Amino acid sequence: MDYDVICIGGSYAGLSAALALGRSLRRVLVIDAGKPANRQTPHSHNFLTRDGATPAQLTAISREQLKLYSTLSFLDDTALTATTDTAGFRVTTAGGHTFSSRKLLLATGLVDMLPNLPGFAECWGRSVLHCPYCHGYEVRHQPVGILANGEVGYELATLIQHWNPDLTLYTNGPATLTEAQHYTLKMLNIPIVETLLTAIEHQNGFVSNLVLANEDRVFLNALYARVPFQLSSDLAQQLGCQLTDHNLIEVTDFGATTAPGVFAAGDATTMFRQVALAVASGSKAGAWINRELIAEDLHRRLPPISMPS
């Protein structure tokens, strides 16, 4: 085989797995297209020793440190297909390369499906936010809004009010909250605005106003929103990996998928999208892959145990 492991995806989960495998003396290829989901985010938070660093800085530091391990290789490319063969796996790329490996790690991440609301895409990850643990401290005690409805809107509103007492829920149409949810939000002094949104006004991706269908303009410093997402590639489906009810890759605590020899880590496996958790999942997957490789090598090298009759 060309490699012991091919890591498809070279953001935090993929690089963390590569580090564990490189330190385990494994020949590893990391294939990465250079399009992480957080590439527009100005600062990454909640990661010890690097709180406030940019995503690009985190990746650059990681790659610089991984250069110390001679068994690690990197390819700027997109993996298109992954298939099994008698010895392991075969991966082809958009650049016309083909590689083989004994194990595969999918750290391909997610693609956010942004609404067709003018200004939303430009502000996504900058001032239209998905996670208070990642960005809530920076906009604490400021006027913010939530763009959501129903159970999601209620859950976000009761969560965000801890950071932002000056909070408004924008349901972008008739609210679908229960009577009990309406009552709780009223007691928390969280207004509910059902008027449709027509645009987000911003300065270089930082929200200044929400524009409503009645032509009102509402000043905000930030807007929280949850958007649909999908896996950034269909490699998991090509390999026969089971998906969860949220269309994420189903994995064990150590990153093993339902397809033998295929592992997954990072955002493609969890609803909790944070750098620290991606790094942790990649490290665990890398360690478990090495454990499997050792077990397979021992099985090949050692003669069968014959028990006395």
Protein backbone atom coordinates (compact mmCIF):
# COMPACT_ATOMS: atom_id res chain seq x y z
CA MET A 1 0.00 0.00 0.00
CA ASP A 2 1.10 3.59 -0.63
CA TYR A 3 0.17 4.61 2.92
CA ASP A 4 -0.96 3.17 6.20
CA VAL A 5 -3.68 5.81 6.42
CA ILE A 6 -5.17 8.42 4.14
CA CYS A 7 -6.82 11.33 5.97
CA ILE A 8 -9.36 13.04 3.72
CA GLY A 9 -9.73 16.52 5.14
CA GLY A 10 -6.91 18.57 6.63
CA SER A 11 -8.59 20.90 9.06
CA TYR A 12 -8.44 20.44 12.84
CA ALA A 13 -9.77 16.88 13.10
CA GLY A 14 -7.73 15.59 10.17
CA LEU A 15 -4.52 17.28 11.32
CA SER A 16 -5.02 16.07 14.89
CA ALA A 17 -5.42 12.49 13.66
CA ALA A 18 -2.36 12.89 11.44
CA LEU A 19 -0.34 14.07 14.44
CA ALA A 20 -1.31 11.02 16.49
CA LEU A 21 -0.50 8.74 13.56
CA GLY A 22 2.77 10.46 12.70
CA ARG A 23 3.91 10.04 16.29
CA SER A 24 2.94 6.38 15.92
CA LEU A 25 5.40 6.00 13.02
CA ARG A 26 2.62 5.63 10.44
CA ARG A 27 2.88 6.63 6.78
CA VAL A 28 0.02 9.09 6.32
CA LEU A 29 -1.29 11.20 3.45
CA VAL A 30 -3.53 14.18 4.25
CA ILE A 31 -5.65 15.31 1.30
CA ASP A 32 -7.26 18.71 1.77
CA ALA A 33 -9.10 21.10 -0.55
CA GLY A 34 -8.46 24.17 1.63
CA LYS A 35 -12.12 25.12 2.14
CA PRO A 36 -12.93 24.73 5.87
CA ALA A 37 -16.42 25.74 6.97
CA ASN A 38 -15.02 28.39 9.33
CA ARG A 39 -12.74 30.09 6.77
CA GLN A 40 -14.78 33.32 6.99
CA THR A 41 -14.67 33.48 10.80
CA PRO A 42 -12.28 36.23 12.01
CA HIS A 43 -11.43 34.57 15.33
CA SER A 44 -11.70 31.10 16.86
CA HIS A 45 -12.47 30.82 20.55
CA ASN A 46 -12.80 28.31 23.37
CA PHE A 47 -9.60 26.44 22.48
CA LEU A 48 -6.94 26.44 25.19
CA THR A 49 -3.61 28.15 24.36
CA ARG A 50 -5.01 29.59 21.10
CA ASP A 51 -8.16 31.46 22.21
CA GLY A 52 -8.80 34.26 19.71
CA ALA A 53 -6.51 32.99 16.95
CA THR A 54 -7.77 33.04 13.39
CA PRO A 55 -8.68 29.71 11.76
CA ALA A 56 -5.86 30.24 9.26
CA GLN A 57 -3.35 30.75 12.09
CA LEU A 58 -4.43 27.54 13.80
CA THR A 59 -4.03 25.59 10.57
CA ALA A 60 -0.65 27.17 9.78
CA ILE A 61 0.75 26.40 13.25
CA SER A 62 -0.53 22.84 13.04
CA ARG A 63 1.00 22.22 9.62
CA GLU A 64 4.32 23.71 10.69
CA GLN A 65 4.49 21.37 13.67
CA LEU A 66 3.48 18.34 11.58
CA LYS A 67 6.44 18.96 9.25
CA LEU A 68 8.63 17.50 12.00
CA TYR A 69 7.24 14.02 11.24
CA SER A 70 8.85 12.60 8.12
CA THR A 71 6.16 9.96 7.55
CA LEU A 72 3.43 12.59 7.02
CA SER A 73 2.64 13.91 3.53
CA PHE A 74 0.19 16.58 2.36
CA LEU A 75 -1.66 17.08 -0.89
CA ASP A 76 -3.75 20.14 -1.81
CA ASP A 77 -6.49 18.40 -3.75
CA THR A 78 -10.06 17.11 -3.52
CA ALA A 79 -10.80 13.42 -3.01
CA LEU A 80 -13.53 12.37 -5.42
CA THR A 81 -13.89 8.62 -4.95
CA ALA A 82 -13.00 6.04 -2.34
CA THR A 83 -13.35 2.31 -2.89
CA THR A 84 -12.33 -0.87 -1.14
CA ASP A 85 -10.11 -3.57 -2.57
CA THR A 86 -8.59 -6.76 -1.22
CA ALA A 87 -5.72 -4.95 0.49
CA GLY A 88 -7.48 -1.84 1.76
CA PHE A 89 -8.72 1.32 0.07
CA ARG A 90 -8.14 3.26 -3.10
CA VAL A 91 -8.72 7.02 -3.36
CA THR A 92 -8.83 9.13 -6.52
CA THR A 93 -8.61 12.92 -6.59
CA ALA A 94 -9.77 15.79 -8.78
CA GLY A 95 -6.14 16.32 -9.76
CA GLY A 96 -5.98 12.87 -11.36
CA HIS A 97 -4.05 11.11 -8.58
CA THR A 98 -4.75 7.65 -7.21
CA PHE A 99 -3.52 6.46 -3.81
CA SER A 100 -3.98 3.33 -1.74
CA SER A 101 -4.01 2.82 2.02
CA ARG A 102 -4.82 0.27 4.69
CA LYS A 103 -7.18 2.60 6.57
CA LEU A 104 -9.20 5.71 5.77
CA LEU A 105 -10.13 8.67 7.94
CA LEU A 106 -12.93 10.95 6.77
CA ALA A 107 -12.54 14.43 8.26
CA THR A 108 -14.39 16.17 5.46
CA GLY A 109 -16.58 18.46 7.56
CA LEU A 110 -19.88 20.06 6.60
CA VAL A 111 -21.29 22.62 4.19
CA ASP A 112 -23.77 25.13 5.62
CA MET A 113 -26.86 25.75 3.49
CA LEU A 114 -27.36 29.50 3.86
CA PRO A 115 -30.74 31.16 3.26
CA ASN A 116 -31.28 33.45 0.30
CA LEU A 117 -31.42 36.56 2.50
CA PRO A 118 -29.31 39.50 1.27
CA GLY A 119 -26.38 40.06 3.62
CA PHE A 120 -26.67 36.70 5.40
CA ALA A 121 -23.81 34.95 3.58
CA GLU A 122 -21.47 37.93 3.97
CA CYS A 123 -22.11 38.03 7.74
CA TRP A 124 -22.09 34.26 8.36
CA GLY A 125 -19.34 33.39 10.83
CA ARG A 126 -18.57 37.06 11.47
CA SER A 127 -21.68 38.57 13.04
CA VAL A 128 -24.35 36.04 12.09
CA LEU A 129 -23.40 33.40 14.61
CA HIS A 130 -24.23 29.76 15.30
CA CYS A 131 -22.71 29.22 18.75
CA PRO A 132 -22.58 31.37 21.91
CA TYR A 133 -19.73 29.27 23.28
CA CYS A 134 -17.64 30.21 20.24
CA HIS A 135 -18.64 33.86 19.90
CA GLY A 136 -21.08 34.86 22.64
CA TYR A 137 -18.52 36.53 24.89
CA GLU A 138 -17.52 38.98 22.16
CA VAL A 139 -21.10 40.29 21.78
CA ARG A 140 -22.14 39.98 25.44
CA HIS A 141 -24.53 42.62 26.84
CA GLN A 142 -25.11 43.99 23.33
CA PRO A 143 -28.40 44.14 21.39
CA VAL A 144 -28.64 40.90 19.41
CA GLY A 145 -31.32 38.95 17.62
CA ILE A 146 -32.16 35.33 16.90
CA LEU A 147 -33.41 34.23 13.49
CA ALA A 148 -35.31 31.02 14.20
CA ASN A 149 -38.77 29.65 14.94
CA GLY A 150 -40.47 26.89 16.87
CA GLU A 151 -38.43 24.62 19.11
CA VAL A 152 -35.11 25.87 17.71
CA GLY A 153 -36.07 29.49 18.28
CA TYR A 154 -37.19 28.78 21.83
CA GLU A 155 -34.06 26.78 22.68
CA LEU A 156 -31.77 29.48 21.31
CA ALA A 157 -33.67 32.30 23.01
CA THR A 158 -33.54 30.70 26.46
CA LEU A 159 -29.84 30.00 25.93
CA ILE A 160 -28.71 33.35 24.50
CA GLN A 161 -30.53 35.43 27.14
CA HIS A 162 -27.77 34.43 29.58
CA TRP A 163 -25.30 36.49 27.49
CA ASN A 164 -27.67 39.13 26.13
CA PRO A 165 -30.61 40.53 28.11
CA ASP A 166 -31.34 42.85 25.14
CA LEU A 167 -32.57 40.04 22.93
CA THR A 168 -35.30 39.70 20.27
CA LEU A 169 -36.56 36.56 18.55
CA TYR A 170 -37.29 37.02 14.83
CA THR A 171 -39.43 34.15 13.56
CA ASN A 172 -39.51 35.45 9.94
CA GLY A 173 -43.21 34.68 9.63
CA PRO A 174 -45.94 33.40 11.96
CA ALA A 175 -44.45 32.03 15.18
CA THR A 176 -44.81 28.29 15.72
CA LEU A 177 -44.07 28.40 19.45
CA THR A 178 -46.25 26.59 21.95
CA GLU A 179 -48.35 28.51 24.46
CA ALA A 180 -45.92 27.53 27.22
CA GLN A 181 -42.94 28.74 25.16
CA HIS A 182 -44.68 32.04 24.47
CA TYR A 183 -45.27 32.46 28.19
CA THR A 184 -41.64 31.69 29.13
CA LEU A 185 -40.23 34.15 26.59
CA LYS A 186 -42.66 36.82 27.79
CA MET A 187 -41.51 36.29 31.38
CA LEU A 188 -37.89 36.63 30.16
CA ASN A 189 -38.78 39.91 28.40
CA ILE A 190 -37.80 38.52 25.00
CA PRO A 191 -39.95 40.14 22.27
CA ILE A 192 -41.13 37.99 19.36
CA VAL A 193 -41.20 39.67 15.93
CA GLU A 194 -43.09 37.76 13.23
CA THR A 195 -42.57 40.28 10.40
CA LEU A 196 -40.61 38.89 7.46
CA LEU A 197 -36.95 39.88 7.09
CA THR A 198 -35.86 41.26 3.71
CA ALA A 199 -32.15 41.99 4.24
CA ILE A 200 -29.27 42.28 6.67
CA GLU A 201 -27.40 45.55 6.39
CA HIS A 202 -23.74 45.26 7.34
CA GLN A 203 -20.29 46.77 7.16
CA ASN A 204 -17.74 44.25 5.86
CA GLY A 205 -19.74 41.36 7.29
CA PHE A 206 -20.65 42.96 10.60
CA VAL A 207 -24.38 43.46 11.15
CA SER A 208 -25.70 46.99 11.54
CA ASN A 209 -29.44 46.65 10.88
CA LEU A 210 -32.11 44.11 10.13
CA VAL A 211 -34.47 45.28 7.39
CA LEU A 212 -38.06 44.10 7.81
CA ALA A 213 -40.78 43.75 5.20
CA ASN A 214 -42.61 46.75 6.69
CA GLU A 215 -39.42 48.77 5.95
CA ASP A 216 -38.48 49.07 9.60
CA ARG A 217 -34.75 48.96 10.32
CA VAL A 218 -33.66 47.43 13.62
CA PHE A 219 -30.16 48.09 14.96
CA LEU A 220 -28.30 44.96 16.09
CA ASN A 221 -24.69 44.04 16.84
CA ALA A 222 -25.15 40.37 16.00
CA LEU A 223 -27.71 37.80 14.91
CA TYR A 224 -27.80 34.15 15.95
CA ALA A 225 -29.12 31.59 13.49
CA ARG A 226 -29.14 27.85 12.86
CA VAL A 227 -28.99 26.77 9.25
CA PRO A 228 -29.33 23.37 7.57
CA PHE A 229 -26.09 21.60 6.64
CA GLN A 230 -24.91 18.64 4.64
CA LEU A 231 -21.79 16.51 4.42
CA SER A 232 -19.23 18.21 2.21
CA SER A 233 -18.72 15.03 0.17
CA ASP A 234 -20.45 11.72 -0.49
CA LEU A 235 -17.39 9.60 0.33
CA ALA A 236 -19.07 8.13 3.42
CA GLN A 237 -22.00 6.97 1.31
CA GLN A 238 -19.64 5.58 -1.35
CA LEU A 239 -18.00 3.45 1.33
CA GLY A 240 -21.29 2.27 2.83
CA CYS A 241 -21.01 4.15 6.14
CA GLN A 242 -24.20 4.42 8.16
CA LEU A 243 -25.49 7.96 8.72
CA THR A 244 -27.32 9.25 11.79
CA ASP A 245 -30.80 10.80 11.88
CA HIS A 246 -29.08 14.19 11.42
CA ASN A 247 -27.27 12.90 8.29
CA LEU A 248 -23.92 12.88 10.05
CA ILE A 249 -21.49 9.95 9.87
CA GLU A 250 -22.27 7.46 12.62
CA VAL A 251 -19.16 6.66 14.67
CA THR A 252 -18.14 4.99 17.90
CA ASP A 253 -16.45 6.94 20.69
CA PHE A 254 -13.14 6.28 18.92
CA GLY A 255 -14.24 7.30 15.44
CA ALA A 256 -14.91 3.89 13.87
CA THR A 257 -17.71 3.97 11.30
CA THR A 258 -19.95 1.04 10.40
CA ALA A 259 -17.68 0.31 7.40
CA PRO A 260 -14.65 -1.80 8.42
CA GLY A 261 -11.39 0.12 8.23
CA VAL A 262 -13.11 3.49 7.73
CA PHE A 263 -12.97 6.11 10.48
CA ALA A 264 -14.43 9.60 10.73
CA ALA A 265 -13.82 12.62 12.95
CA GLY A 266 -14.72 16.28 13.30
CA ASP A 267 -17.84 18.18 12.28
CA ALA A 268 -19.05 15.41 9.96
CA THR A 269 -19.72 13.28 13.04
CA THR A 270 -21.26 15.61 15.63
CA MET A 271 -23.70 18.48 16.17
CA PHE A 272 -21.14 20.16 18.48
CA ARG A 273 -19.03 22.18 16.08
CA GLN A 274 -16.07 23.49 18.04
CA VAL A 275 -12.33 23.43 17.32
CA ALA A 276 -11.48 21.79 20.65
CA LEU A 277 -13.94 18.96 20.04
CA ALA A 278 -12.72 18.43 16.47
CA VAL A 279 -9.13 18.17 17.72
CA ALA A 280 -10.17 15.70 20.43
CA SER A 281 -12.12 13.49 18.03
CA GLY A 282 -9.22 13.43 15.56
CA SER A 283 -6.74 12.47 18.27
CA LYS A 284 -8.92 9.61 19.48
CA ALA A 285 -9.52 8.34 15.95
CA GLY A 286 -5.81 8.44 15.14
CA ALA A 287 -4.93 6.45 18.25
CA TRP A 288 -7.60 3.83 17.53
CA ILE A 289 -6.53 3.47 13.90
CA ASN A 290 -2.97 2.78 15.04
CA ARG A 291 -4.30 0.24 17.55
CA GLU A 292 -6.13 -1.60 14.74
CA LEU A 293 -3.04 -1.58 12.52
CA ILE A 294 -0.91 -3.05 15.32
CA ALA A 295 -3.48 -5.78 15.96
CA GLU A 296 -3.61 -6.68 12.26
CA ASP A 297 0.19 -6.79 11.98
CA LEU A 298 0.48 -9.03 15.03
CA HIS A 299 -2.13 -11.37 13.59
CA ARG A 300 -0.11 -11.72 10.38
CA ARG A 301 3.28 -12.08 12.06
CA LEU A 302 2.52 -14.49 14.86
CA PRO A 303 1.71 -18.17 14.28
CA PRO A 304 -1.65 -19.45 15.50
CA ILE A 305 -1.70 -20.49 19.12
CA SER A 306 -2.06 -24.25 19.45
CA MET A 307 -3.60 -25.26 22.72
CA PRO A 308 -2.59 -28.57 24.33
CA SER A 309 -5.20 -31.26 23.98
